[in-house]
């Protein structure tokens, strides 16, 4: 079992920044990768970014490249998502996920956090 707890969401104006955190506990492993997903009202949950615990290699959705940065602190078992130049279209509930990563492909796992709301006003 892996437990994931997100934090850091909130309300921000367009052009602003937020940093999300995802603290992992339980049967964590350096073999895991961690991903961020988001789900806007009435839409499917979509991939945002992923990072390998061991190598630190990253993947991003095209819609956030150049604006979002995923990083990890192995000592704290925490993954971060720095979001800059936020747009109203970034409004969603953001979830972290423990999965696997192979090259540029992220395979989502069964472990999800509870989600954190990000609202970007225009």
C-alpha atoms as a PDB file:
ATOM      1  CA  UNK A   1       0.000   0.000   0.000  1.00  0.00           C
ATOM      2  CA  UNK A   2       1.111   3.513  -0.830  1.00  0.00           C
ATOM      3  CA  UNK A   3      -0.514   6.582   0.668  1.00  0.00           C
ATOM      4  CA  UNK A   4      -0.407   9.879  -1.192  1.00  0.00           C
ATOM      5  CA  UNK A   5      -1.416  13.250   0.218  1.00  0.00           C
ATOM      6  CA  UNK A   6      -1.569  16.336  -1.975  1.00  0.00           C
ATOM      7  CA  UNK A   7      -1.476  19.922  -0.778  1.00  0.00           C
ATOM      8  CA  UNK A   8      -0.880  23.411  -2.088  1.00  0.00           C
ATOM      9  CA  UNK A   9      -3.932  24.078  -4.203  1.00  0.00           C
ATOM     10  CA  UNK A  10      -5.871  27.312  -4.076  1.00  0.00           C
ATOM     11  CA  UNK A  11      -7.235  30.292  -5.945  1.00  0.00           C
ATOM     12  CA  UNK A  12      -4.858  32.348  -8.067  1.00  0.00           C
ATOM     13  CA  UNK A  13      -5.194  34.954 -10.784  1.00  0.00           C
ATOM     14  CA  UNK A  14      -4.176  34.224 -14.351  1.00  0.00           C
ATOM     15  CA  UNK A  15      -0.437  34.615 -14.744  1.00  0.00           C
ATOM     16  CA  UNK A  16       0.204  33.605 -11.145  1.00  0.00           C
ATOM     17  CA  UNK A  17       1.972  30.614  -9.661  1.00  0.00           C
ATOM     18  CA  UNK A  18       1.269  27.764  -7.280  1.00  0.00           C
ATOM     19  CA  UNK A  19       3.324  24.853  -5.997  1.00  0.00           C
ATOM     20  CA  UNK A  20       1.640  21.552  -5.298  1.00  0.00           C
ATOM     21  CA  UNK A  21       3.130  18.906  -3.043  1.00  0.00           C
ATOM     22  CA  UNK A  22       2.502  15.168  -2.885  1.00  0.00           C
ATOM     23  CA  UNK A  23       3.799  13.344   0.174  1.00  0.00           C
ATOM     24  CA  UNK A  24       4.162   9.586  -0.255  1.00  0.00           C
ATOM     25  CA  UNK A  25       4.273   7.016   2.527  1.00  0.00           C
ATOM     26  CA  UNK A  26       3.858   3.291   2.966  1.00  0.00           C
ATOM     27  CA  UNK A  27       5.425   0.808   0.566  1.00  0.00           C
ATOM     28  CA  UNK A  28       7.236   3.415  -1.467  1.00  0.00           C
ATOM     29  CA  UNK A  29      10.032   2.258  -3.699  1.00  0.00           C
ATOM     30  CA  UNK A  30      12.706   3.824  -5.843  1.00  0.00           C
ATOM     31  CA  UNK A  31      11.245   1.706  -8.649  1.00  0.00           C
ATOM     32  CA  UNK A  32       8.126   3.829  -8.689  1.00  0.00           C
ATOM     33  CA  UNK A  33       7.585   6.903 -10.740  1.00  0.00           C
ATOM     34  CA  UNK A  34       5.214   9.654  -9.678  1.00  0.00           C
ATOM     35  CA  UNK A  35       2.739  11.434 -11.867  1.00  0.00           C
ATOM     36  CA  UNK A  36       0.441  14.414 -11.640  1.00  0.00           C
ATOM     37  CA  UNK A  37      -2.953  14.338 -13.308  1.00  0.00           C
ATOM     38  CA  UNK A  38      -5.800  16.828 -13.398  1.00  0.00           C
ATOM     39  CA  UNK A  39      -9.534  16.653 -13.893  1.00  0.00           C
ATOM     40  CA  UNK A  40     -11.629  19.639 -14.868  1.00  0.00           C
ATOM     41  CA  UNK A  41     -15.414  19.638 -14.273  1.00  0.00           C
ATOM     42  CA  UNK A  42     -17.157  17.404 -16.786  1.00  0.00           C
ATOM     43  CA  UNK A  43     -13.905  16.193 -18.303  1.00  0.00           C
ATOM     44  CA  UNK A  44     -11.732  13.105 -18.051  1.00  0.00           C
ATOM     45  CA  UNK A  45      -8.696  12.941 -15.808  1.00  0.00           C
ATOM     46  CA  UNK A  46      -5.620  13.793 -17.865  1.00  0.00           C
ATOM     47  CA  UNK A  47      -1.891  13.383 -17.510  1.00  0.00           C
ATOM     48  CA  UNK A  48       0.108  16.489 -16.585  1.00  0.00           C
ATOM     49  CA  UNK A  49       3.651  15.447 -15.660  1.00  0.00           C
ATOM     50  CA  UNK A  50       5.702  12.543 -14.324  1.00  0.00           C
ATOM     51  CA  UNK A  51       9.087  11.960 -12.735  1.00  0.00           C
ATOM     52  CA  UNK A  52      11.191   8.922 -11.973  1.00  0.00           C
ATOM     53  CA  UNK A  53      12.158   8.604  -8.294  1.00  0.00           C
ATOM     54  CA  UNK A  54      15.571   7.188  -9.125  1.00  0.00           C
ATOM     55  CA  UNK A  55      16.799   9.059 -12.197  1.00  0.00           C
ATOM     56  CA  UNK A  56      14.710  12.218 -11.954  1.00  0.00           C
ATOM     57  CA  UNK A  57      13.805  12.077 -15.644  1.00  0.00           C
ATOM     58  CA  UNK A  58      10.599  13.920 -16.423  1.00  0.00           C
ATOM     59  CA  UNK A  59       7.699  13.906 -18.863  1.00  0.00           C
ATOM     60  CA  UNK A  60       5.157  16.666 -19.499  1.00  0.00           C
ATOM     61  CA  UNK A  61       1.905  17.084 -21.333  1.00  0.00           C
ATOM     62  CA  UNK A  62       2.254  19.506 -24.236  1.00  0.00           C
ATOM     63  CA  UNK A  63      -0.251  21.862 -22.633  1.00  0.00           C
ATOM     64  CA  UNK A  64       2.020  22.551 -19.646  1.00  0.00           C
ATOM     65  CA  UNK A  65       5.513  22.339 -21.135  1.00  0.00           C
ATOM     66  CA  UNK A  66       7.550  25.413 -20.327  1.00  0.00           C
ATOM     67  CA  UNK A  67       5.144  26.474 -17.551  1.00  0.00           C
ATOM     68  CA  UNK A  68       5.082  23.560 -15.097  1.00  0.00           C
ATOM     69  CA  UNK A  69       8.034  21.823 -13.471  1.00  0.00           C
ATOM     70  CA  UNK A  70       7.890  18.522 -11.627  1.00  0.00           C
ATOM     71  CA  UNK A  71      10.563  17.696  -9.079  1.00  0.00           C
ATOM     72  CA  UNK A  72      11.142  15.356  -6.155  1.00  0.00           C
ATOM     73  CA  UNK A  73      12.827  15.291  -2.791  1.00  0.00           C
ATOM     74  CA  UNK A  74      13.786  11.671  -2.168  1.00  0.00           C
ATOM     75  CA  UNK A  75      14.683  12.291   1.461  1.00  0.00           C
ATOM     76  CA  UNK A  76      11.177  13.594   2.144  1.00  0.00           C
ATOM     77  CA  UNK A  77       9.389  11.172  -0.219  1.00  0.00           C
ATOM     78  CA  UNK A  78       7.700  14.212  -1.702  1.00  0.00           C
ATOM     79  CA  UNK A  79       7.011  15.243  -5.273  1.00  0.00           C
ATOM     80  CA  UNK A  80       6.294  18.823  -6.271  1.00  0.00           C
ATOM     81  CA  UNK A  81       4.573  20.489  -9.173  1.00  0.00           C
ATOM     82  CA  UNK A  82       5.605  24.105  -9.680  1.00  0.00           C
ATOM     83  CA  UNK A  83       3.007  25.806 -11.838  1.00  0.00           C
ATOM     84  CA  UNK A  84       3.820  29.176 -13.391  1.00  0.00           C
ATOM     85  CA  UNK A  85       2.004  31.402 -15.873  1.00  0.00           C
ATOM     86  CA  UNK A  86      -1.262  29.813 -14.855  1.00  0.00           C
ATOM     87  CA  UNK A  87      -4.255  30.086 -17.155  1.00  0.00           C
ATOM     88  CA  UNK A  88      -7.992  29.687 -16.491  1.00  0.00           C
ATOM     89  CA  UNK A  89      -7.796  26.429 -18.494  1.00  0.00           C
ATOM     90  CA  UNK A  90      -5.515  25.027 -15.777  1.00  0.00           C
ATOM     91  CA  UNK A  91      -8.450  25.055 -13.359  1.00  0.00           C
ATOM     92  CA  UNK A  92      -8.983  21.492 -12.160  1.00  0.00           C
ATOM     93  CA  UNK A  93      -8.583  19.083  -9.299  1.00  0.00           C
ATOM     94  CA  UNK A  94      -4.974  17.909  -9.333  1.00  0.00           C
ATOM     95  CA  UNK A  95      -4.118  14.371  -8.286  1.00  0.00           C
ATOM     96  CA  UNK A  96      -0.823  12.617  -7.746  1.00  0.00           C
ATOM     97  CA  UNK A  97      -0.328   8.997  -8.691  1.00  0.00           C
ATOM     98  CA  UNK A  98       2.276   6.320  -7.997  1.00  0.00           C
ATOM     99  CA  UNK A  99       3.078   4.374 -11.131  1.00  0.00           C
ATOM    100  CA  UNK A 100       5.873   3.288 -13.444  1.00  0.00           C
ATOM    101  CA  UNK A 101       7.872   5.052 -16.086  1.00  0.00           C
ATOM    102  CA  UNK A 102       9.681   3.736 -19.116  1.00  0.00           C
ATOM    103  CA  UNK A 103      11.450   6.316 -21.201  1.00  0.00           C
ATOM    104  CA  UNK A 104       8.924   8.953 -22.182  1.00  0.00           C
ATOM    105  CA  UNK A 105       5.921   6.840 -21.216  1.00  0.00           C
ATOM    106  CA  UNK A 106       4.250   6.987 -17.815  1.00  0.00           C
ATOM    107  CA  UNK A 107       2.089   4.059 -16.704  1.00  0.00           C
ATOM    108  CA  UNK A 108      -0.361   5.124 -14.040  1.00  0.00           C
ATOM    109  CA  UNK A 109      -0.710   2.898 -11.007  1.00  0.00           C
ATOM    110  CA  UNK A 110      -3.580   2.195  -8.681  1.00  0.00           C
ATOM    111  CA  UNK A 111      -2.532   4.600  -5.945  1.00  0.00           C
ATOM    112  CA  UNK A 112      -4.043   8.066  -5.958  1.00  0.00           C
ATOM    113  CA  UNK A 113      -4.162  10.961  -3.581  1.00  0.00           C
ATOM    114  CA  UNK A 114      -7.385  12.708  -2.603  1.00  0.00           C
ATOM    115  CA  UNK A 115      -6.776  15.623  -4.943  1.00  0.00           C
ATOM    116  CA  UNK A 116      -6.276  19.344  -4.446  1.00  0.00           C
ATOM    117  CA  UNK A 117      -8.321  22.055  -6.142  1.00  0.00           C
ATOM    118  CA  UNK A 118      -6.593  24.645  -8.314  1.00  0.00           C
ATOM    119  CA  UNK A 119      -8.718  27.544  -9.518  1.00  0.00           C
ATOM    120  CA  UNK A 120      -7.323  30.167 -11.874  1.00  0.00           C
ATOM    121  CA  UNK A 121      -9.397  33.309 -12.295  1.00  0.00           C
ATOM    122  CA  UNK A 122      -9.259  35.460 -15.408  1.00  0.00           C
END
